[in-house]
């Protein structure tokens, strides 16, 4: 094998790892959103937070379906679990009730959606696979909308 052949193999491996890493991170975030928002849809004390949570479940469930479809075409396994740092956020939230729950949920929503917008902006430009880049681009307007809504609801719940 030539040196160029080895470099091509290494580059292909890096591309595969980069594609897989994005899929894993996006899937983990979707699992987190679906779990905590399902809880919030039932547990939140304000109708606005419950409505937002229901929208998160719906939108992130749809995003997960789309991601799984693309990942299957690429032979990338989509995890059904969330990253440990997301588990810690979920656990912290589960100990709250009433207005404290609403405030914590909205704080977490702002934090997580800021992270997601940054991740998807990066993926839309840098992920090697064109289909995954297109997926990231298609999700960005939705994630930005979620972030704006989360910021507005956070401001409202901070007043409670």
C-alpha atoms as a PDB file:
ATOM      1  CA  UNK A   1       0.000   0.000   0.000  1.00  0.00           C
ATOM      2  CA  UNK A   2       1.269   3.465  -0.838  1.00  0.00           C
ATOM      3  CA  UNK A   3       1.587   6.313   1.614  1.00  0.00           C
ATOM      4  CA  UNK A   4      -1.275   8.044  -0.185  1.00  0.00           C
ATOM      5  CA  UNK A   5      -3.403   4.928   0.280  1.00  0.00           C
ATOM      6  CA  UNK A   6      -2.716   4.938   4.013  1.00  0.00           C
ATOM      7  CA  UNK A   7      -3.577   8.642   4.197  1.00  0.00           C
ATOM      8  CA  UNK A   8      -6.862   7.998   2.356  1.00  0.00           C
ATOM      9  CA  UNK A   9      -7.711   5.170   4.771  1.00  0.00           C
ATOM     10  CA  UNK A  10      -6.937   7.394   7.750  1.00  0.00           C
ATOM     11  CA  UNK A  11      -9.030  10.221   6.296  1.00  0.00           C
ATOM     12  CA  UNK A  12     -11.955   7.860   5.650  1.00  0.00           C
ATOM     13  CA  UNK A  13     -11.708   6.602   9.222  1.00  0.00           C
ATOM     14  CA  UNK A  14     -11.716  10.176  10.554  1.00  0.00           C
ATOM     15  CA  UNK A  15     -14.781  10.953   8.425  1.00  0.00           C
ATOM     16  CA  UNK A  16     -16.564   7.867   9.737  1.00  0.00           C
ATOM     17  CA  UNK A  17     -15.729   8.780  13.341  1.00  0.00           C
ATOM     18  CA  UNK A  18     -16.855  12.377  12.805  1.00  0.00           C
ATOM     19  CA  UNK A  19     -20.152  11.277  11.229  1.00  0.00           C
ATOM     20  CA  UNK A  20     -20.743   8.739  13.998  1.00  0.00           C
ATOM     21  CA  UNK A  21     -19.911  11.237  16.736  1.00  0.00           C
ATOM     22  CA  UNK A  22     -22.433  13.741  15.385  1.00  0.00           C
ATOM     23  CA  UNK A  23     -25.142  11.062  15.144  1.00  0.00           C
ATOM     24  CA  UNK A  24     -24.427   9.916  18.711  1.00  0.00           C
ATOM     25  CA  UNK A  25     -24.482  13.437  20.124  1.00  0.00           C
ATOM     26  CA  UNK A  26     -27.633  14.442  18.257  1.00  0.00           C
ATOM     27  CA  UNK A  27     -29.397  11.201  19.213  1.00  0.00           C
ATOM     28  CA  UNK A  28     -28.387  11.559  22.863  1.00  0.00           C
ATOM     29  CA  UNK A  29     -29.792  15.066  22.885  1.00  0.00           C
ATOM     30  CA  UNK A  30     -33.062  13.879  21.336  1.00  0.00           C
ATOM     31  CA  UNK A  31     -33.414  11.102  23.919  1.00  0.00           C
ATOM     32  CA  UNK A  32     -32.804  13.638  26.676  1.00  0.00           C
ATOM     33  CA  UNK A  33     -35.317  16.108  25.254  1.00  0.00           C
ATOM     34  CA  UNK A  34     -37.983  13.456  24.817  1.00  0.00           C
ATOM     35  CA  UNK A  35     -37.539  12.099  28.352  1.00  0.00           C
ATOM     36  CA  UNK A  36     -37.375  15.374  30.278  1.00  0.00           C
ATOM     37  CA  UNK A  37     -40.055  17.020  28.180  1.00  0.00           C
ATOM     38  CA  UNK A  38     -42.424  14.074  28.609  1.00  0.00           C
ATOM     39  CA  UNK A  39     -41.963  14.543  32.339  1.00  0.00           C
ATOM     40  CA  UNK A  40     -42.432  18.316  32.049  1.00  0.00           C
ATOM     41  CA  UNK A  41     -45.594  17.925  29.974  1.00  0.00           C
ATOM     42  CA  UNK A  42     -47.105  16.129  32.981  1.00  0.00           C
ATOM     43  CA  UNK A  43     -45.342  17.788  35.897  1.00  0.00           C
ATOM     44  CA  UNK A  44     -45.001  21.485  34.991  1.00  0.00           C
ATOM     45  CA  UNK A  45     -47.125  23.873  37.016  1.00  0.00           C
ATOM     46  CA  UNK A  46     -47.787  26.377  34.214  1.00  0.00           C
ATOM     47  CA  UNK A  47     -49.730  25.728  31.036  1.00  0.00           C
ATOM     48  CA  UNK A  48     -47.106  27.533  28.925  1.00  0.00           C
ATOM     49  CA  UNK A  49     -44.314  25.257  30.133  1.00  0.00           C
ATOM     50  CA  UNK A  50     -46.489  22.169  29.600  1.00  0.00           C
ATOM     51  CA  UNK A  51     -47.296  23.307  26.057  1.00  0.00           C
ATOM     52  CA  UNK A  52     -43.621  23.990  25.302  1.00  0.00           C
ATOM     53  CA  UNK A  53     -42.706  20.552  26.679  1.00  0.00           C
ATOM     54  CA  UNK A  54     -45.292  18.857  24.464  1.00  0.00           C
ATOM     55  CA  UNK A  55     -43.814  20.652  21.440  1.00  0.00           C
ATOM     56  CA  UNK A  56     -40.321  19.469  22.442  1.00  0.00           C
ATOM     57  CA  UNK A  57     -41.527  15.863  22.598  1.00  0.00           C
ATOM     58  CA  UNK A  58     -43.154  16.155  19.189  1.00  0.00           C
ATOM     59  CA  UNK A  59     -40.285  17.960  17.451  1.00  0.00           C
ATOM     60  CA  UNK A  60     -37.490  15.868  18.945  1.00  0.00           C
ATOM     61  CA  UNK A  61     -39.351  12.635  18.246  1.00  0.00           C
ATOM     62  CA  UNK A  62     -39.631  13.685  14.593  1.00  0.00           C
ATOM     63  CA  UNK A  63     -35.960  14.709  14.505  1.00  0.00           C
ATOM     64  CA  UNK A  64     -34.984  11.340  15.968  1.00  0.00           C
ATOM     65  CA  UNK A  65     -36.984   9.478  13.307  1.00  0.00           C
ATOM     66  CA  UNK A  66     -35.257  11.463  10.553  1.00  0.00           C
ATOM     67  CA  UNK A  67     -31.821  10.953  12.093  1.00  0.00           C
ATOM     68  CA  UNK A  68     -32.370   7.204  12.479  1.00  0.00           C
ATOM     69  CA  UNK A  69     -33.362   6.956   8.822  1.00  0.00           C
ATOM     70  CA  UNK A  70     -30.230   8.746   7.613  1.00  0.00           C
ATOM     71  CA  UNK A  71     -27.988   6.868  10.054  1.00  0.00           C
ATOM     72  CA  UNK A  72     -29.377   3.506   8.904  1.00  0.00           C
ATOM     73  CA  UNK A  73     -28.369   4.336   5.324  1.00  0.00           C
ATOM     74  CA  UNK A  74     -24.835   5.045   6.600  1.00  0.00           C
ATOM     75  CA  UNK A  75     -24.664   1.945   8.830  1.00  0.00           C
ATOM     76  CA  UNK A  76     -24.353   4.157  11.912  1.00  0.00           C
ATOM     77  CA  UNK A  77     -25.983   2.888  15.092  1.00  0.00           C
ATOM     78  CA  UNK A  78     -28.216   5.422  16.817  1.00  0.00           C
ATOM     79  CA  UNK A  79     -28.024   5.102  20.604  1.00  0.00           C
ATOM     80  CA  UNK A  80     -31.188   4.814  22.676  1.00  0.00           C
ATOM     81  CA  UNK A  81     -29.578   6.370  25.726  1.00  0.00           C
ATOM     82  CA  UNK A  82     -28.332   9.782  26.709  1.00  0.00           C
ATOM     83  CA  UNK A  83     -24.871  10.934  27.643  1.00  0.00           C
ATOM     84  CA  UNK A  84     -23.982  10.868  31.369  1.00  0.00           C
ATOM     85  CA  UNK A  85     -24.004  14.674  31.622  1.00  0.00           C
ATOM     86  CA  UNK A  86     -27.549  14.692  30.253  1.00  0.00           C
ATOM     87  CA  UNK A  87     -28.544  11.998  32.775  1.00  0.00           C
ATOM     88  CA  UNK A  88     -27.255  14.259  35.545  1.00  0.00           C
ATOM     89  CA  UNK A  89     -29.414  17.133  34.273  1.00  0.00           C
ATOM     90  CA  UNK A  90     -32.440  14.832  34.063  1.00  0.00           C
ATOM     91  CA  UNK A  91     -31.829  13.584  37.602  1.00  0.00           C
ATOM     92  CA  UNK A  92     -31.435  17.131  38.929  1.00  0.00           C
ATOM     93  CA  UNK A  93     -34.723  18.104  37.310  1.00  0.00           C
ATOM     94  CA  UNK A  94     -36.609  15.079  38.626  1.00  0.00           C
ATOM     95  CA  UNK A  95     -36.055  16.215  42.221  1.00  0.00           C
ATOM     96  CA  UNK A  96     -37.940  19.484  41.629  1.00  0.00           C
ATOM     97  CA  UNK A  97     -41.667  20.185  41.945  1.00  0.00           C
ATOM     98  CA  UNK A  98     -44.050  23.064  41.235  1.00  0.00           C
ATOM     99  CA  UNK A  99     -42.614  26.404  40.206  1.00  0.00           C
ATOM    100  CA  UNK A 100     -39.099  25.188  41.060  1.00  0.00           C
ATOM    101  CA  UNK A 101     -39.558  22.426  38.466  1.00  0.00           C
ATOM    102  CA  UNK A 102     -40.712  24.919  35.817  1.00  0.00           C
ATOM    103  CA  UNK A 103     -37.755  27.209  36.486  1.00  0.00           C
ATOM    104  CA  UNK A 104     -35.224  24.366  36.423  1.00  0.00           C
ATOM    105  CA  UNK A 105     -36.746  22.859  33.272  1.00  0.00           C
ATOM    106  CA  UNK A 106     -36.573  26.181  31.430  1.00  0.00           C
ATOM    107  CA  UNK A 107     -33.004  26.838  32.652  1.00  0.00           C
ATOM    108  CA  UNK A 108     -32.024  23.434  31.282  1.00  0.00           C
ATOM    109  CA  UNK A 109     -33.890  24.048  28.022  1.00  0.00           C
ATOM    110  CA  UNK A 110     -31.966  27.257  27.383  1.00  0.00           C
ATOM    111  CA  UNK A 111     -28.653  25.564  28.205  1.00  0.00           C
ATOM    112  CA  UNK A 112     -29.290  22.456  26.105  1.00  0.00           C
ATOM    113  CA  UNK A 113     -30.645  24.349  23.114  1.00  0.00           C
ATOM    114  CA  UNK A 114     -27.679  26.747  23.155  1.00  0.00           C
ATOM    115  CA  UNK A 115     -25.423  23.678  23.038  1.00  0.00           C
ATOM    116  CA  UNK A 116     -27.522  22.072  20.294  1.00  0.00           C
ATOM    117  CA  UNK A 117     -27.549  25.172  18.089  1.00  0.00           C
ATOM    118  CA  UNK A 118     -23.759  25.371  18.359  1.00  0.00           C
ATOM    119  CA  UNK A 119     -23.358  21.640  17.632  1.00  0.00           C
ATOM    120  CA  UNK A 120     -25.723  21.708  14.641  1.00  0.00           C
ATOM    121  CA  UNK A 121     -24.131  24.882  13.219  1.00  0.00           C
ATOM    122  CA  UNK A 122     -20.774  23.138  13.347  1.00  0.00           C
ATOM    123  CA  UNK A 123     -22.190  19.924  11.887  1.00  0.00           C
ATOM    124  CA  UNK A 124     -23.918  21.801   9.066  1.00  0.00           C
ATOM    125  CA  UNK A 125     -20.499  22.998   7.917  1.00  0.00           C
ATOM    126  CA  UNK A 126     -18.028  20.357   9.046  1.00  0.00           C
ATOM    127  CA  UNK A 127     -19.568  16.879   9.180  1.00  0.00           C
ATOM    128  CA  UNK A 128     -18.070  14.966   6.223  1.00  0.00           C
ATOM    129  CA  UNK A 129     -21.303  13.274   5.104  1.00  0.00           C
ATOM    130  CA  UNK A 130     -23.499  15.466   2.863  1.00  0.00           C
ATOM    131  CA  UNK A 131     -26.763  13.905   4.082  1.00  0.00           C
ATOM    132  CA  UNK A 132     -25.850  14.531   7.723  1.00  0.00           C
ATOM    133  CA  UNK A 133     -24.841  18.115   6.884  1.00  0.00           C
ATOM    134  CA  UNK A 134     -28.225  18.594   5.188  1.00  0.00           C
ATOM    135  CA  UNK A 135     -29.991  17.092   8.212  1.00  0.00           C
ATOM    136  CA  UNK A 136     -28.133  19.480  10.527  1.00  0.00           C
ATOM    137  CA  UNK A 137     -29.063  22.446   8.316  1.00  0.00           C
ATOM    138  CA  UNK A 138     -32.722  21.365   8.261  1.00  0.00           C
ATOM    139  CA  UNK A 139     -32.857  21.154  12.058  1.00  0.00           C
ATOM    140  CA  UNK A 140     -31.196  24.506  12.775  1.00  0.00           C
ATOM    141  CA  UNK A 141     -34.295  26.712  12.275  1.00  0.00           C
ATOM    142  CA  UNK A 142     -36.284  24.439  14.590  1.00  0.00           C
ATOM    143  CA  UNK A 143     -33.558  24.414  17.242  1.00  0.00           C
ATOM    144  CA  UNK A 144     -33.214  28.198  17.054  1.00  0.00           C
ATOM    145  CA  UNK A 145     -36.982  28.546  17.467  1.00  0.00           C
ATOM    146  CA  UNK A 146     -36.840  26.215  20.501  1.00  0.00           C
ATOM    147  CA  UNK A 147     -34.025  28.317  21.969  1.00  0.00           C
ATOM    148  CA  UNK A 148     -35.908  31.583  21.471  1.00  0.00           C
ATOM    149  CA  UNK A 149     -39.055  30.110  23.019  1.00  0.00           C
ATOM    150  CA  UNK A 150     -37.021  28.696  25.911  1.00  0.00           C
ATOM    151  CA  UNK A 151     -35.452  32.080  26.596  1.00  0.00           C
ATOM    152  CA  UNK A 152     -38.871  33.756  26.607  1.00  0.00           C
ATOM    153  CA  UNK A 153     -40.361  31.123  28.921  1.00  0.00           C
ATOM    154  CA  UNK A 154     -37.309  31.242  31.172  1.00  0.00           C
ATOM    155  CA  UNK A 155     -37.784  34.996  31.555  1.00  0.00           C
ATOM    156  CA  UNK A 156     -41.455  34.408  32.418  1.00  0.00           C
ATOM    157  CA  UNK A 157     -40.760  31.575  34.897  1.00  0.00           C
ATOM    158  CA  UNK A 158     -37.993  33.598  36.536  1.00  0.00           C
ATOM    159  CA  UNK A 159     -40.752  36.081  37.522  1.00  0.00           C
ATOM    160  CA  UNK A 160     -42.796  33.408  39.340  1.00  0.00           C
END
